[in-house]
């Protein structure tokens, strides 16, 4: 799943209420887990079920689309 919203890491951090460095660390860790792929100005979810499990959001386990 790819979301085509061009945001900087700082802008993404502002949206979720986190500092840029915290956002970068979280994205780096999620990429290391293999659930996302980071690009220069994009993030691709490679494993929605894995991301959901890491976030502990079981109601998102089944995609609605």
PDB file of N, CA and C in Angstrom:
ATOM      1  N   UNK A   1       0.853  -1.163   0.000  1.00  0.00           N
ATOM      2  CA  UNK A   1       0.000   0.000   0.000  1.00  0.00           C
ATOM      3  C   UNK A   1       0.898   1.225   0.000  1.00  0.00           C
ATOM      4  N   UNK A   2       0.654   2.118  -0.904  1.00  0.00           N
ATOM      5  CA  UNK A   2       1.418   3.344  -0.986  1.00  0.00           C
ATOM      6  C   UNK A   2       0.471   4.522  -0.830  1.00  0.00           C
ATOM      7  N   UNK A   3       0.870   5.475  -0.003  1.00  0.00           N
ATOM      8  CA  UNK A   3       0.061   6.670   0.216  1.00  0.00           C
ATOM      9  C   UNK A   3       0.795   7.830  -0.433  1.00  0.00           C
ATOM     10  N   UNK A   4       0.186   8.440  -1.427  1.00  0.00           N
ATOM     11  CA  UNK A   4       0.838   9.488  -2.200  1.00  0.00           C
ATOM     12  C   UNK A   4       0.670  10.876  -1.633  1.00  0.00           C
ATOM     13  N   UNK A   5       1.137  11.083  -0.416  1.00  0.00           N
ATOM     14  CA  UNK A   5       1.085  12.400   0.200  1.00  0.00           C
ATOM     15  C   UNK A   5       2.522  12.810   0.484  1.00  0.00           C
ATOM     16  N   UNK A   6       3.065  13.722  -0.313  1.00  0.00           N
ATOM     17  CA  UNK A   6       4.469  14.094  -0.127  1.00  0.00           C
ATOM     18  C   UNK A   6       4.673  14.930   1.142  1.00  0.00           C
ATOM     19  N   UNK A   7       5.281  14.321   2.139  1.00  0.00           N
ATOM     20  CA  UNK A   7       5.549  14.994   3.409  1.00  0.00           C
ATOM     21  C   UNK A   7       7.009  14.797   3.785  1.00  0.00           C
ATOM     22  N   UNK A   8       7.576  15.789   4.414  1.00  0.00           N
ATOM     23  CA  UNK A   8       8.901  15.616   4.987  1.00  0.00           C
ATOM     24  C   UNK A   8       8.738  14.855   6.300  1.00  0.00           C
ATOM     25  N   UNK A   9       9.833  14.370   6.834  1.00  0.00           N
ATOM     26  CA  UNK A   9       9.774  13.679   8.135  1.00  0.00           C
ATOM     27  C   UNK A   9       9.276  14.637   9.216  1.00  0.00           C
ATOM     28  N   UNK A  10       9.689  15.895   9.131  1.00  0.00           N
ATOM     29  CA  UNK A  10       9.251  16.891  10.111  1.00  0.00           C
ATOM     30  C   UNK A  10       7.742  17.113  10.018  1.00  0.00           C
ATOM     31  N   UNK A  11       7.215  17.198   8.795  1.00  0.00           N
ATOM     32  CA  UNK A  11       5.772  17.385   8.615  1.00  0.00           C
ATOM     33  C   UNK A  11       4.988  16.177   9.117  1.00  0.00           C
ATOM     34  N   UNK A  12       5.503  14.984   8.837  1.00  0.00           N
ATOM     35  CA  UNK A  12       4.864  13.775   9.328  1.00  0.00           C
ATOM     36  C   UNK A  12       4.852  13.763  10.855  1.00  0.00           C
ATOM     37  N   UNK A  13       5.961  14.162  11.448  1.00  0.00           N
ATOM     38  CA  UNK A  13       6.035  14.259  12.904  1.00  0.00           C
ATOM     39  C   UNK A  13       5.009  15.219  13.470  1.00  0.00           C
ATOM     40  N   UNK A  14       4.847  16.358  12.823  1.00  0.00           N
ATOM     41  CA  UNK A  14       3.849  17.329  13.277  1.00  0.00           C
ATOM     42  C   UNK A  14       2.444  16.745  13.230  1.00  0.00           C
ATOM     43  N   UNK A  15       2.160  15.961  12.209  1.00  0.00           N
ATOM     44  CA  UNK A  15       0.830  15.356  12.078  1.00  0.00           C
ATOM     45  C   UNK A  15       0.528  14.370  13.198  1.00  0.00           C
ATOM     46  N   UNK A  16       1.550  13.671  13.678  1.00  0.00           N
ATOM     47  CA  UNK A  16       1.319  12.668  14.726  1.00  0.00           C
ATOM     48  C   UNK A  16       1.736  13.155  16.112  1.00  0.00           C
ATOM     49  N   UNK A  17       2.187  14.401  16.191  1.00  0.00           N
ATOM     50  CA  UNK A  17       2.538  14.975  17.486  1.00  0.00           C
ATOM     51  C   UNK A  17       3.883  14.497  18.015  1.00  0.00           C
ATOM     52  N   UNK A  18       4.828  14.237  17.109  1.00  0.00           N
ATOM     53  CA  UNK A  18       6.150  13.765  17.518  1.00  0.00           C
ATOM     54  C   UNK A  18       7.226  14.675  16.936  1.00  0.00           C
ATOM     55  N   UNK A  19       8.360  14.696  17.591  1.00  0.00           N
ATOM     56  CA  UNK A  19       9.488  15.451  17.061  1.00  0.00           C
ATOM     57  C   UNK A  19      10.056  14.729  15.850  1.00  0.00           C
ATOM     58  N   UNK A  20      10.736  15.463  14.990  1.00  0.00           N
ATOM     59  CA  UNK A  20      11.289  14.885  13.761  1.00  0.00           C
ATOM     60  C   UNK A  20      12.224  13.716  14.059  1.00  0.00           C
ATOM     61  N   UNK A  21      13.071  13.845  15.060  1.00  0.00           N
ATOM     62  CA  UNK A  21      14.023  12.786  15.382  1.00  0.00           C
ATOM     63  C   UNK A  21      13.290  11.522  15.828  1.00  0.00           C
ATOM     64  N   UNK A  22      12.191  11.678  16.560  1.00  0.00           N
ATOM     65  CA  UNK A  22      11.396  10.531  16.996  1.00  0.00           C
ATOM     66  C   UNK A  22      10.718   9.872  15.805  1.00  0.00           C
ATOM     67  N   UNK A  23      10.237  10.690  14.881  1.00  0.00           N
ATOM     68  CA  UNK A  23       9.606  10.176  13.666  1.00  0.00           C
ATOM     69  C   UNK A  23      10.618   9.390  12.843  1.00  0.00           C
ATOM     70  N   UNK A  24      11.817   9.929  12.693  1.00  0.00           N
ATOM     71  CA  UNK A  24      12.863   9.248  11.936  1.00  0.00           C
ATOM     72  C   UNK A  24      13.222   7.909  12.571  1.00  0.00           C
ATOM     73  N   UNK A  25      13.332   7.890  13.885  1.00  0.00           N
ATOM     74  CA  UNK A  25      13.677   6.660  14.595  1.00  0.00           C
ATOM     75  C   UNK A  25      12.578   5.614  14.409  1.00  0.00           C
ATOM     76  N   UNK A  26      11.332   6.028  14.548  1.00  0.00           N
ATOM     77  CA  UNK A  26      10.215   5.090  14.393  1.00  0.00           C
ATOM     78  C   UNK A  26      10.177   4.522  12.972  1.00  0.00           C
ATOM     79  N   UNK A  27      10.355   5.371  11.968  1.00  0.00           N
ATOM     80  CA  UNK A  27      10.357   4.902  10.587  1.00  0.00           C
ATOM     81  C   UNK A  27      11.520   3.956  10.318  1.00  0.00           C
ATOM     82  N   UNK A  28      12.675   4.266  10.885  1.00  0.00           N
ATOM     83  CA  UNK A  28      13.848   3.408  10.718  1.00  0.00           C
ATOM     84  C   UNK A  28      13.587   2.031  11.345  1.00  0.00           C
ATOM     85  N   UNK A  29      12.982   2.008  12.532  1.00  0.00           N
ATOM     86  CA  UNK A  29      12.689   0.745  13.205  1.00  0.00           C
ATOM     87  C   UNK A  29      11.634  -0.068  12.445  1.00  0.00           C
ATOM     88  N   UNK A  30      10.619   0.609  11.922  1.00  0.00           N
ATOM     89  CA  UNK A  30       9.588  -0.092  11.151  1.00  0.00           C
ATOM     90  C   UNK A  30      10.168  -0.661   9.861  1.00  0.00           C
ATOM     91  N   UNK A  31      11.087   0.071   9.251  1.00  0.00           N
ATOM     92  CA  UNK A  31      11.753  -0.434   8.047  1.00  0.00           C
ATOM     93  C   UNK A  31      12.624  -1.643   8.394  1.00  0.00           C
ATOM     94  N   UNK A  32      13.302  -1.598   9.534  1.00  0.00           N
ATOM     95  CA  UNK A  32      14.133  -2.723   9.961  1.00  0.00           C
ATOM     96  C   UNK A  32      13.286  -3.968  10.229  1.00  0.00           C
ATOM     97  N   UNK A  33      12.063  -3.766  10.692  1.00  0.00           N
ATOM     98  CA  UNK A  33      11.133  -4.880  10.919  1.00  0.00           C
ATOM     99  C   UNK A  33      10.587  -5.428   9.603  1.00  0.00           C
ATOM    100  N   UNK A  34      10.750  -4.658   8.534  1.00  0.00           N
ATOM    101  CA  UNK A  34      10.290  -5.097   7.222  1.00  0.00           C
ATOM    102  C   UNK A  34       8.839  -4.794   6.914  1.00  0.00           C
ATOM    103  N   UNK A  35       8.201  -3.962   7.736  1.00  0.00           N
ATOM    104  CA  UNK A  35       6.783  -3.669   7.498  1.00  0.00           C
ATOM    105  C   UNK A  35       6.563  -2.453   6.609  1.00  0.00           C
ATOM    106  N   UNK A  36       7.588  -1.604   6.491  1.00  0.00           N
ATOM    107  CA  UNK A  36       7.493  -0.452   5.595  1.00  0.00           C
ATOM    108  C   UNK A  36       8.766  -0.349   4.765  1.00  0.00           C
ATOM    109  N   UNK A  37       8.674   0.429   3.690  1.00  0.00           N
ATOM    110  CA  UNK A  37       9.852   0.804   2.915  1.00  0.00           C
ATOM    111  C   UNK A  37       9.865   2.325   2.883  1.00  0.00           C
ATOM    112  N   UNK A  38      10.977   2.901   3.257  1.00  0.00           N
ATOM    113  CA  UNK A  38      11.097   4.357   3.264  1.00  0.00           C
ATOM    114  C   UNK A  38      11.726   4.831   1.977  1.00  0.00           C
ATOM    115  N   UNK A  39      11.160   5.899   1.444  1.00  0.00           N
ATOM    116  CA  UNK A  39      11.752   6.577   0.309  1.00  0.00           C
ATOM    117  C   UNK A  39      12.131   7.975   0.733  1.00  0.00           C
ATOM    118  N   UNK A  40      12.536   8.763  -0.227  1.00  0.00           N
ATOM    119  CA  UNK A  40      12.924  10.137   0.112  1.00  0.00           C
ATOM    120  C   UNK A  40      11.734  10.933   0.655  1.00  0.00           C
ATOM    121  N   UNK A  41      10.591  10.833  -0.012  1.00  0.00           N
ATOM    122  CA  UNK A  41       9.408  11.551   0.456  1.00  0.00           C
ATOM    123  C   UNK A  41       8.171  10.663   0.411  1.00  0.00           C
ATOM    124  N   UNK A  42       8.388   9.368   0.648  1.00  0.00           N
ATOM    125  CA  UNK A  42       7.239   8.478   0.700  1.00  0.00           C
ATOM    126  C   UNK A  42       7.527   7.315   1.640  1.00  0.00           C
ATOM    127  N   UNK A  43       6.454   6.687   2.063  1.00  0.00           N
ATOM    128  CA  UNK A  43       6.521   5.497   2.897  1.00  0.00           C
ATOM    129  C   UNK A  43       5.570   4.490   2.277  1.00  0.00           C
ATOM    130  N   UNK A  44       6.051   3.289   2.038  1.00  0.00           N
ATOM    131  CA  UNK A  44       5.229   2.230   1.469  1.00  0.00           C
ATOM    132  C   UNK A  44       5.042   1.157   2.529  1.00  0.00           C
ATOM    133  N   UNK A  45       3.778   0.842   2.828  1.00  0.00           N
ATOM    134  CA  UNK A  45       3.481  -0.234   3.768  1.00  0.00           C
ATOM    135  C   UNK A  45       3.607  -1.542   3.007  1.00  0.00           C
ATOM    136  N   UNK A  46       4.565  -2.370   3.412  1.00  0.00           N
ATOM    137  CA  UNK A  46       4.810  -3.652   2.758  1.00  0.00           C
ATOM    138  C   UNK A  46       4.036  -4.781   3.423  1.00  0.00           C
ATOM    139  N   UNK A  47       3.750  -4.640   4.706  1.00  0.00           N
ATOM    140  CA  UNK A  47       3.102  -5.699   5.478  1.00  0.00           C
ATOM    141  C   UNK A  47       2.097  -5.068   6.434  1.00  0.00           C
ATOM    142  N   UNK A  48       0.856  -4.886   5.957  1.00  0.00           N
ATOM    143  CA  UNK A  48      -0.173  -4.235   6.774  1.00  0.00           C
ATOM    144  C   UNK A  48      -0.471  -5.036   8.037  1.00  0.00           C
ATOM    145  N   UNK A  49      -0.547  -6.355   7.925  1.00  0.00           N
ATOM    146  CA  UNK A  49      -0.824  -7.181   9.104  1.00  0.00           C
ATOM    147  C   UNK A  49       0.305  -7.051  10.131  1.00  0.00           C
ATOM    148  N   UNK A  50       1.540  -7.019   9.657  1.00  0.00           N
ATOM    149  CA  UNK A  50       2.674  -6.856  10.560  1.00  0.00           C
ATOM    150  C   UNK A  50       2.685  -5.493  11.222  1.00  0.00           C
ATOM    151  N   UNK A  51       2.371  -4.465  10.461  1.00  0.00           N
ATOM    152  CA  UNK A  51       2.312  -3.110  11.007  1.00  0.00           C
ATOM    153  C   UNK A  51       1.201  -3.006  12.038  1.00  0.00           C
ATOM    154  N   UNK A  52       0.063  -3.618  11.736  1.00  0.00           N
ATOM    155  CA  UNK A  52      -1.071  -3.628  12.660  1.00  0.00           C
ATOM    156  C   UNK A  52      -0.697  -4.339  13.960  1.00  0.00           C
ATOM    157  N   UNK A  53      -0.016  -5.459  13.844  1.00  0.00           N
ATOM    158  CA  UNK A  53       0.395  -6.203  15.034  1.00  0.00           C
ATOM    159  C   UNK A  53       1.365  -5.384  15.886  1.00  0.00           C
ATOM    160  N   UNK A  54       2.315  -4.710  15.240  1.00  0.00           N
ATOM    161  CA  UNK A  54       3.264  -3.875  15.979  1.00  0.00           C
ATOM    162  C   UNK A  54       2.567  -2.716  16.673  1.00  0.00           C
ATOM    163  N   UNK A  55       1.519  -2.193  16.038  1.00  0.00           N
ATOM    164  CA  UNK A  55       0.779  -1.071  16.603  1.00  0.00           C
ATOM    165  C   UNK A  55      -0.237  -1.536  17.640  1.00  0.00           C
ATOM    166  N   UNK A  56      -0.458  -2.856  17.724  1.00  0.00           N
ATOM    167  CA  UNK A  56      -1.437  -3.450  18.634  1.00  0.00           C
ATOM    168  C   UNK A  56      -2.830  -2.885  18.368  1.00  0.00           C
ATOM    169  N   UNK A  57      -3.207  -2.875  17.085  1.00  0.00           N
ATOM    170  CA  UNK A  57      -4.525  -2.409  16.666  1.00  0.00           C
ATOM    171  C   UNK A  57      -5.258  -3.549  15.962  1.00  0.00           C
ATOM    172  N   UNK A  58      -5.766  -4.518  16.708  1.00  0.00           N
ATOM    173  CA  UNK A  58      -6.361  -5.697  16.073  1.00  0.00           C
ATOM    174  C   UNK A  58      -7.552  -5.403  15.172  1.00  0.00           C
ATOM    175  N   UNK A  59      -8.269  -4.303  15.401  1.00  0.00           N
ATOM    176  CA  UNK A  59      -9.425  -3.984  14.570  1.00  0.00           C
ATOM    177  C   UNK A  59      -9.027  -3.575  13.150  1.00  0.00           C
ATOM    178  N   UNK A  60      -7.730  -3.329  12.922  1.00  0.00           N
ATOM    179  CA  UNK A  60      -7.252  -2.988  11.590  1.00  0.00           C
ATOM    180  C   UNK A  60      -6.655  -4.186  10.861  1.00  0.00           C
ATOM    181  N   UNK A  61      -6.752  -5.356  11.453  1.00  0.00           N
ATOM    182  CA  UNK A  61      -6.124  -6.548  10.874  1.00  0.00           C
ATOM    183  C   UNK A  61      -6.690  -6.902   9.511  1.00  0.00           C
ATOM    184  N   UNK A  62      -7.967  -6.632   9.283  1.00  0.00           N
ATOM    185  CA  UNK A  62      -8.592  -6.923   8.002  1.00  0.00           C
ATOM    186  C   UNK A  62      -8.807  -5.611   7.256  1.00  0.00           C
ATOM    187  N   UNK A  63      -8.154  -5.448   6.104  1.00  0.00           N
ATOM    188  CA  UNK A  63      -8.332  -4.199   5.341  1.00  0.00           C
ATOM    189  C   UNK A  63      -9.782  -4.009   4.909  1.00  0.00           C
ATOM    190  N   UNK A  64     -10.203  -2.781   4.868  1.00  0.00           N
ATOM    191  CA  UNK A  64     -11.574  -2.438   4.470  1.00  0.00           C
ATOM    192  C   UNK A  64     -11.679  -2.129   3.000  1.00  0.00           C
ATOM    193  N   UNK A  65     -10.592  -2.230   2.248  1.00  0.00           N
ATOM    194  CA  UNK A  65     -10.621  -1.877   0.837  1.00  0.00           C
ATOM    195  C   UNK A  65     -10.336  -3.085  -0.004  1.00  0.00           C
TER     196      UNK A  65
END
